[in-house]
Amino acid sequence: MENKQITYSQAVSLRVKEIMGEMSINRLSNLSLIPTSTLDDLTKGKSEFPSQKAIVEFCRYFKMELAEFYDSPYFYIEFLQIPY
């Protein structure tokens, strides 16, 4: 990852897209029962503070722990832009 700051929302968006790979939002929604609008918000970084419930459901579908989701350079403190 290049050395620039991103928002938490952008970090979540990048990580979700990374994990989803080529899977479409509609397909994931159908398989996971996470609403399409929620997945759309996550992948587009629409919310300043994405829903932890949505992230948990996303992780549950991919059979991963939250720690694994957040174990990414996207969430390194030096890269996160924290709003004040």
Protein backbone atom coordinates (compact mmCIF):
# COMPACT_ATOMS: atom_id res chain seq x y z
CA MET A 1 0.00 0.00 0.00
CA GLU A 2 1.35 3.41 -0.86
CA ASN A 3 2.08 5.80 1.97
CA LYS A 4 -1.08 7.94 2.03
CA GLN A 5 -3.84 8.35 4.54
CA ILE A 6 -7.33 6.99 3.98
CA THR A 7 -10.51 7.19 6.02
CA TYR A 8 -11.80 4.26 8.04
CA SER A 9 -14.69 3.98 5.58
CA GLN A 10 -12.27 3.76 2.66
CA ALA A 11 -10.23 1.13 4.52
CA VAL A 12 -13.36 -0.99 5.08
CA SER A 13 -14.35 -0.57 1.44
CA LEU A 14 -10.93 -1.66 0.16
CA ARG A 15 -10.82 -4.65 2.51
CA VAL A 16 -14.35 -5.80 1.63
CA LYS A 17 -13.57 -5.59 -2.10
CA GLU A 18 -10.28 -7.43 -1.55
CA ILE A 19 -12.05 -10.30 0.20
CA MET A 20 -14.96 -10.42 -2.24
CA GLY A 21 -12.62 -10.70 -5.21
CA GLU A 22 -14.69 -11.10 -8.36
CA MET A 23 -17.93 -11.92 -6.52
CA SER A 24 -20.72 -9.48 -7.33
CA ILE A 25 -22.65 -7.59 -4.67
CA ASN A 26 -25.90 -9.23 -5.84
CA ARG A 27 -24.46 -12.74 -5.62
CA LEU A 28 -23.00 -12.12 -2.17
CA SER A 29 -26.28 -10.63 -1.01
CA ASN A 30 -28.22 -13.68 -2.23
CA LEU A 31 -25.80 -16.11 -0.58
CA SER A 32 -25.23 -14.25 2.69
CA LEU A 33 -28.62 -12.58 3.20
CA ILE A 34 -26.84 -9.26 3.77
CA PRO A 35 -28.97 -6.62 2.02
CA THR A 36 -27.63 -5.41 -1.31
CA SER A 37 -27.87 -1.81 -0.11
CA THR A 38 -25.67 -2.62 2.91
CA LEU A 39 -23.03 -4.28 0.75
CA ASP A 40 -23.21 -1.40 -1.70
CA ASP A 41 -22.60 1.06 1.16
CA LEU A 42 -19.64 -1.01 2.41
CA THR A 43 -17.99 -1.32 -0.99
CA LYS A 44 -18.47 2.33 -1.88
CA GLY A 45 -17.46 3.74 1.49
CA LYS A 46 -20.75 5.64 1.79
CA SER A 47 -20.84 5.72 5.59
CA GLU A 48 -18.21 7.56 7.66
CA PHE A 49 -18.45 4.77 10.24
CA PRO A 50 -19.65 1.54 8.60
CA SER A 51 -21.96 -0.67 10.63
CA GLN A 52 -20.08 -3.14 12.81
CA LYS A 53 -23.07 -5.48 12.44
CA ALA A 54 -22.62 -5.48 8.66
CA ILE A 55 -18.91 -6.18 9.01
CA VAL A 56 -19.62 -9.04 11.44
CA GLU A 57 -22.18 -10.54 9.04
CA PHE A 58 -19.71 -10.16 6.18
CA CYS A 59 -17.02 -11.96 8.21
CA ARG A 60 -19.47 -14.65 9.26
CA TYR A 61 -20.28 -15.43 5.63
CA PHE A 62 -16.57 -15.70 4.73
CA LYS A 63 -15.92 -17.75 7.92
CA MET A 64 -13.35 -15.30 9.20
CA GLU A 65 -12.76 -13.66 12.55
CA LEU A 66 -12.98 -9.89 12.92
CA ALA A 67 -9.27 -9.93 13.79
CA GLU A 68 -8.57 -11.46 10.40
CA PHE A 69 -10.70 -8.83 8.65
CA TYR A 70 -8.80 -6.02 10.36
CA ASP A 71 -5.40 -7.69 9.89
CA SER A 72 -4.60 -5.61 6.84
CA PRO A 73 -2.34 -2.65 6.10
CA TYR A 74 -5.49 -0.67 5.33
CA PHE A 75 -6.10 -0.47 9.08
CA TYR A 76 -2.59 0.48 10.17
CA ILE A 77 -2.84 3.56 12.34
CA GLU A 78 -0.26 5.47 10.30
CA PHE A 79 -2.47 5.13 7.21
CA LEU A 80 -5.82 5.97 8.81
CA GLN A 81 -7.15 9.48 8.65
CA ILE A 82 -9.08 10.11 11.86
CA PRO A 83 -11.80 12.80 11.73
CA TYR A 84 -11.87 15.25 14.62
